[in-house]
Amino acid sequence: MAEPSMLPPASGHDKLMIGQSAAGIYLAHAVLILGVVIVAFPIYYTFVASTHTLQTILRPPLPLVPGSEAVANYSEALFGGIGRIGGVGVGTLLFNSTVTALGIALGKIVISILSAYAIVFYRFPLRMTFFWLIFITLMLPVEVRILPTYKVMVDLGLIDTYAGLIVPLIASATATLLFRQFFLTIPGELVEAARVDGAGPWKFFKDILLPLSRTNIAALFVILFIYGWTQYLWPLLVTNRNDMNTIVIALRKMISFADADTEWHLVMVTAILAILPPILVVVLMQRWFVRGLIETEK
């Protein structure tokens, strides 16, 4: 009997084409490229405007290529002062927003992971009652409780402070729920093994739970950092001084109802600088972010 002949291995192109047509692949790429252009073009146009003078911006049409005033505009915004926000530089606004976003993200993660740890691994009276009380707060956004929260901040003297910007926003029922659901997937045998090895509650949390939760923490950090960076209503209420404004609040203050009164070249510079930190966080933590969202086996 003749030996069966071996088929040659499929090439990369053949593998790509299995179950797909060339037209379908080209169409998918065309749609993807079109989506990127639609999303990226406004950002590019804003960057182009940030490199031109105010007179060029006010005299349409705006050129589609960068101008020669990039260094002057960015230097003026970062190290000078913007008149409509009391002479405060964009560097101060970026610092305020960074502190606020980092404080909110880290605060939410710390409080949520500790509360989820207590709910899952400890047995105490009314344990599930407390969990459902936390869960119910999902239906109470900041806007619903904003007046009593503001009153508390006034009574505590936290207006125009970083604590006033951060503390009311660091409790998160969503993050607590996500950590709880993850902790419930940890085998009971692992807990028993840690107990047999003499690991106390803190050692078990620090040496076992935290390493297992790294991808979840990274994914939540990206989401919560952007959440804190883009806050508008609460920083608007809790800050009165221009030097305590976040960059989102300052952007709104920089725009006047009359185009002639608005320093559009500085507005465009501020807008570009405002989107850079969130983009940087997403790019640097992209791998961890994706793993935290799709990883199922821990």
Protein backbone atom coordinates (compact mmCIF):
# COMPACT_ATOMS: atom_id res chain seq x y z
CA MET A 1 0.00 0.00 0.00
CA ALA A 2 1.40 3.38 -0.95
CA GLU A 3 2.31 5.76 1.80
CA PRO A 4 -0.09 8.72 2.03
CA SER A 5 1.57 11.85 0.74
CA MET A 6 2.04 14.77 3.08
CA LEU A 7 0.42 18.04 2.08
CA PRO A 8 2.69 21.09 2.17
CA PRO A 9 2.08 23.41 5.13
CA ALA A 10 -0.24 26.28 4.46
CA SER A 11 1.44 29.59 3.90
CA GLY A 12 0.62 32.66 5.95
CA HIS A 13 -1.46 34.01 3.08
CA ASP A 14 -3.39 30.72 2.77
CA LYS A 15 -4.06 30.70 6.52
CA LEU A 16 -5.32 34.25 6.35
CA MET A 17 -7.66 33.43 3.52
CA ILE A 18 -9.25 30.37 5.17
CA GLY A 19 -12.93 31.20 5.57
CA GLN A 20 -12.37 34.72 4.28
CA SER A 21 -12.48 36.43 0.92
CA ALA A 22 -9.99 38.99 -0.30
CA ALA A 23 -12.81 41.50 -0.80
CA GLY A 24 -13.95 41.03 2.80
CA ILE A 25 -10.43 41.61 4.13
CA TYR A 26 -9.97 44.77 2.05
CA LEU A 27 -13.38 46.04 3.12
CA ALA A 28 -12.57 45.46 6.79
CA HIS A 29 -9.29 47.36 6.44
CA ALA A 30 -11.00 50.19 4.56
CA VAL A 31 -13.63 50.55 7.31
CA LEU A 32 -10.89 50.47 9.96
CA ILE A 33 -8.84 53.15 8.18
CA LEU A 34 -11.94 55.30 7.68
CA GLY A 35 -12.75 55.04 11.39
CA VAL A 36 -9.20 56.05 12.35
CA VAL A 37 -9.36 59.06 10.00
CA ILE A 38 -12.73 60.17 11.40
CA VAL A 39 -11.46 59.95 14.97
CA ALA A 40 -7.96 61.32 14.39
CA PHE A 41 -8.69 64.20 11.99
CA PRO A 42 -10.28 66.55 14.60
CA ILE A 43 -7.28 65.97 16.87
CA TYR A 44 -4.89 66.71 14.01
CA TYR A 45 -6.86 69.81 13.08
CA THR A 46 -6.67 71.02 16.68
CA PHE A 47 -2.91 70.45 16.68
CA VAL A 48 -2.57 72.41 13.42
CA ALA A 49 -4.55 75.30 14.92
CA SER A 50 -2.29 75.27 17.98
CA THR A 51 0.71 76.05 15.75
CA HIS A 52 -0.75 79.17 14.11
CA THR A 53 -1.30 82.71 15.29
CA LEU A 54 -4.64 83.97 16.55
CA GLN A 55 -5.07 86.07 13.42
CA THR A 56 -4.64 83.02 11.17
CA ILE A 57 -7.22 81.04 13.14
CA LEU A 58 -9.76 83.88 12.98
CA ARG A 59 -9.26 84.23 9.22
CA PRO A 60 -10.72 81.06 7.64
CA PRO A 61 -10.02 78.71 6.08
CA LEU A 62 -7.42 77.36 8.47
CA PRO A 63 -4.45 75.71 6.71
CA LEU A 64 -4.17 71.93 6.94
CA VAL A 65 -0.42 72.00 7.60
CA PRO A 66 1.25 73.04 10.88
CA GLY A 67 2.42 76.61 11.19
CA SER A 68 5.59 78.21 12.53
CA GLU A 69 4.26 79.39 15.91
CA ALA A 70 4.27 76.03 17.72
CA VAL A 71 7.18 76.80 20.04
CA ALA A 72 5.90 80.29 20.86
CA ASN A 73 2.33 79.14 21.51
CA TYR A 74 3.24 76.15 23.66
CA SER A 75 5.81 78.15 25.62
CA GLU A 76 3.30 80.92 26.26
CA ALA A 77 0.66 78.46 27.44
CA LEU A 78 2.95 76.38 29.64
CA PHE A 79 5.19 79.01 31.18
CA GLY A 80 3.26 82.23 30.68
CA GLY A 81 -0.19 83.06 31.89
CA ILE A 82 -3.58 82.89 30.22
CA GLY A 83 -5.55 86.05 30.84
CA ARG A 84 -9.03 84.60 30.97
CA ILE A 85 -8.10 82.27 33.84
CA GLY A 86 -6.28 84.81 35.97
CA GLY A 87 -2.84 84.46 34.44
CA VAL A 88 -2.46 80.79 35.44
CA GLY A 89 -0.24 78.68 33.18
CA VAL A 90 -1.29 75.38 31.64
CA GLY A 91 1.49 73.66 33.60
CA THR A 92 -0.37 74.37 36.85
CA LEU A 93 -3.63 73.12 35.35
CA LEU A 94 -1.98 69.89 34.19
CA PHE A 95 -0.53 69.35 37.66
CA ASN A 96 -3.94 69.86 39.29
CA SER A 97 -5.61 67.44 36.89
CA THR A 98 -2.86 64.84 37.33
CA VAL A 99 -3.05 64.96 41.12
CA THR A 100 -6.85 64.74 40.99
CA ALA A 101 -6.95 61.86 38.49
CA LEU A 102 -4.24 59.87 40.28
CA GLY A 103 -5.86 60.46 43.67
CA ILE A 104 -9.28 59.36 42.44
CA ALA A 105 -7.95 56.28 40.60
CA LEU A 106 -5.68 55.06 43.40
CA GLY A 107 -8.22 55.90 46.10
CA LYS A 108 -11.00 54.01 44.34
CA ILE A 109 -8.79 50.96 43.81
CA VAL A 110 -7.51 50.84 47.40
CA ILE A 111 -10.94 51.27 49.00
CA SER A 112 -12.64 48.88 46.57
CA ILE A 113 -10.13 46.05 46.85
CA LEU A 114 -10.10 46.24 50.65
CA SER A 115 -13.90 46.31 50.89
CA ALA A 116 -14.21 43.39 48.45
CA TYR A 117 -11.59 41.46 50.43
CA ALA A 118 -13.54 41.96 53.65
CA ILE A 119 -16.86 40.97 52.06
CA VAL A 120 -15.55 37.78 50.42
CA PHE A 121 -13.07 36.39 52.94
CA TYR A 122 -14.50 37.48 56.30
CA ARG A 123 -17.64 36.32 58.03
CA PHE A 124 -19.32 38.98 60.13
CA PRO A 125 -22.91 40.01 60.87
CA LEU A 126 -24.77 41.85 58.10
CA ARG A 127 -21.94 41.16 55.65
CA MET A 128 -24.21 40.88 52.61
CA THR A 129 -26.32 43.78 53.82
CA PHE A 130 -23.29 46.03 53.66
CA PHE A 131 -22.45 44.70 50.20
CA TRP A 132 -25.93 45.49 48.89
CA LEU A 133 -25.78 48.94 50.47
CA ILE A 134 -22.57 49.53 48.53
CA PHE A 135 -24.16 48.13 45.37
CA ILE A 136 -27.22 50.38 45.70
CA THR A 137 -24.97 53.46 45.50
CA LEU A 138 -24.58 52.66 41.78
CA MET A 139 -27.99 54.27 41.42
CA LEU A 140 -26.83 57.42 43.25
CA PRO A 141 -24.39 59.29 41.00
CA VAL A 142 -22.51 62.38 42.12
CA GLU A 143 -25.18 64.67 40.69
CA VAL A 144 -27.83 63.23 43.05
CA ARG A 145 -25.79 63.77 46.23
CA ILE A 146 -23.86 66.81 45.11
CA LEU A 147 -25.52 69.39 47.40
CA PRO A 148 -25.03 67.51 50.70
CA THR A 149 -21.50 66.55 49.60
CA TYR A 150 -20.69 70.18 48.86
CA LYS A 151 -22.08 71.19 52.28
CA VAL A 152 -19.78 68.66 53.97
CA MET A 153 -16.77 70.00 52.04
CA VAL A 154 -17.62 73.56 53.12
CA ASP A 155 -18.01 72.52 56.76
CA LEU A 156 -14.66 70.70 56.67
CA GLY A 157 -12.89 73.64 54.98
CA LEU A 158 -11.91 71.56 51.93
CA ILE A 159 -12.94 74.05 49.25
CA ASP A 160 -10.03 74.84 46.91
CA THR A 161 -7.99 71.86 48.13
CA TYR A 162 -6.85 68.64 46.52
CA ALA A 163 -8.63 66.69 49.25
CA GLY A 164 -11.88 68.42 48.29
CA LEU A 165 -11.36 67.45 44.67
CA ILE A 166 -10.52 63.82 45.41
CA VAL A 167 -12.19 62.51 48.58
CA PRO A 168 -15.89 62.72 47.54
CA LEU A 169 -15.15 60.74 44.36
CA ILE A 170 -13.00 57.87 45.64
CA ALA A 171 -15.78 55.50 46.72
CA SER A 172 -16.67 53.13 43.87
CA ALA A 173 -19.36 50.47 43.96
CA THR A 174 -18.42 49.33 40.46
CA ALA A 175 -14.81 48.56 41.34
CA THR A 176 -15.92 46.83 44.56
CA LEU A 177 -18.28 44.62 42.57
CA LEU A 178 -15.58 43.73 40.04
CA PHE A 179 -13.04 42.82 42.73
CA ARG A 180 -15.67 40.81 44.62
CA GLN A 181 -16.56 38.80 41.52
CA PHE A 182 -12.89 38.07 40.90
CA PHE A 183 -12.21 37.06 44.51
CA LEU A 184 -15.13 34.62 44.34
CA THR A 185 -13.30 32.72 41.58
CA ILE A 186 -10.29 32.02 43.82
CA PRO A 187 -10.38 28.35 44.89
CA GLY A 188 -11.06 27.64 48.54
CA GLU A 189 -8.12 25.21 48.49
CA LEU A 190 -5.79 28.17 47.96
CA VAL A 191 -7.17 29.88 51.04
CA GLU A 192 -6.82 26.69 53.08
CA ALA A 193 -3.26 26.16 51.85
CA ALA A 194 -2.32 29.68 52.88
CA ARG A 195 -3.87 29.14 56.30
CA VAL A 196 -1.95 25.87 56.75
CA ASP A 197 1.30 27.64 55.82
CA GLY A 198 0.64 30.14 58.59
CA ALA A 199 -0.23 33.10 56.37
CA GLY A 200 -2.27 35.68 58.25
CA PRO A 201 -4.93 37.89 56.67
CA TRP A 202 -2.45 40.62 55.70
CA LYS A 203 0.13 38.19 54.29
CA PHE A 204 -2.55 36.36 52.30
CA PHE A 205 -3.79 39.66 50.90
CA LYS A 206 -0.33 41.04 50.10
CA ASP A 207 1.42 37.91 48.80
CA ILE A 208 -1.46 36.09 47.07
CA LEU A 209 -4.43 38.32 46.28
CA LEU A 210 -2.54 41.40 45.10
CA PRO A 211 -0.34 39.52 42.57
CA LEU A 212 -3.40 37.71 41.25
CA SER A 213 -5.28 41.01 40.92
CA ARG A 214 -2.63 42.91 38.94
CA THR A 215 -4.41 42.76 35.60
CA ASN A 216 -7.72 43.79 37.18
CA ILE A 217 -6.02 46.68 38.97
CA ALA A 218 -4.33 47.83 35.76
CA ALA A 219 -7.56 47.77 33.75
CA LEU A 220 -9.44 49.64 36.48
CA PHE A 221 -6.61 52.17 36.83
CA VAL A 222 -6.86 53.16 33.16
CA ILE A 223 -10.63 53.55 33.33
CA LEU A 224 -10.61 55.41 36.65
CA PHE A 225 -7.73 57.71 35.68
CA ILE A 226 -9.66 58.87 32.61
CA TYR A 227 -12.79 59.19 34.77
CA GLY A 228 -10.94 61.46 37.19
CA TRP A 229 -9.22 63.43 34.42
CA THR A 230 -12.47 64.29 32.66
CA GLN A 231 -14.45 65.32 35.74
CA TYR A 232 -16.23 68.64 35.20
CA LEU A 233 -19.19 69.27 37.50
CA TRP A 234 -17.57 68.50 40.86
CA PRO A 235 -14.30 70.43 40.24
CA LEU A 236 -16.40 73.34 38.97
CA LEU A 237 -18.23 73.50 42.30
CA VAL A 238 -15.40 72.80 44.72
CA THR A 239 -12.79 75.18 43.26
CA ASN A 240 -13.04 78.96 43.28
CA ARG A 241 -9.41 79.95 42.77
CA ASN A 242 -8.06 79.85 39.23
CA ASP A 243 -4.84 78.18 40.34
CA MET A 244 -6.84 75.22 41.69
CA ASN A 245 -8.82 74.64 38.49
CA THR A 246 -8.37 71.43 36.56
CA ILE A 247 -7.55 71.68 32.88
CA VAL A 248 -11.10 70.72 31.83
CA ILE A 249 -12.56 73.61 33.86
CA ALA A 250 -9.93 76.00 32.53
CA LEU A 251 -10.75 75.08 28.94
CA ARG A 252 -14.35 76.15 29.47
CA LYS A 253 -13.30 79.41 31.14
CA MET A 254 -10.92 80.26 28.31
CA ILE A 255 -13.72 80.34 25.73
CA SER A 256 -15.72 83.54 25.47
CA PHE A 257 -18.99 84.11 23.69
CA ALA A 258 -17.18 86.46 21.32
CA ASP A 259 -14.49 84.94 19.10
CA ALA A 260 -12.42 88.11 19.25
CA ASP A 261 -12.14 87.82 23.06
CA THR A 262 -10.97 84.21 22.95
CA GLU A 263 -7.28 83.37 22.60
CA TRP A 264 -7.98 80.47 20.27
CA HIS A 265 -4.34 79.58 19.70
CA LEU A 266 -3.92 79.04 23.47
CA VAL A 267 -7.24 77.20 23.67
CA MET A 268 -6.01 74.77 21.02
CA VAL A 269 -2.68 74.31 22.81
CA THR A 270 -4.52 73.61 26.07
CA ALA A 271 -6.83 71.12 24.34
CA ILE A 272 -3.87 69.20 22.89
CA LEU A 273 -2.05 69.14 26.23
CA ALA A 274 -5.26 68.04 27.96
CA ILE A 275 -5.57 64.86 25.89
CA LEU A 276 -1.91 63.83 26.10
CA PRO A 277 -1.85 62.35 29.67
CA PRO A 278 -4.88 60.06 29.14
CA ILE A 279 -3.44 58.91 25.80
CA LEU A 280 -0.08 58.27 27.47
CA VAL A 281 -1.71 56.21 30.23
CA VAL A 282 -3.67 54.12 27.72
CA VAL A 283 -0.62 53.52 25.50
CA LEU A 284 1.72 52.59 28.35
CA MET A 285 -0.82 50.29 30.03
CA GLN A 286 -2.51 48.95 26.92
CA ARG A 287 -1.27 45.39 27.37
CA TRP A 288 -2.34 45.22 31.01
CA PHE A 289 -5.63 46.93 30.20
CA VAL A 290 -6.57 44.39 27.52
CA ARG A 291 -5.49 41.44 29.68
CA GLY A 292 -7.54 42.76 32.58
CA LEU A 293 -10.64 42.96 30.39
CA ILE A 294 -10.40 39.62 28.56
CA GLU A 295 -8.37 37.32 30.78
CA THR A 296 -10.54 34.64 32.32
CA GLU A 297 -8.06 32.15 33.74
CA LYS A 298 -6.32 33.45 36.82
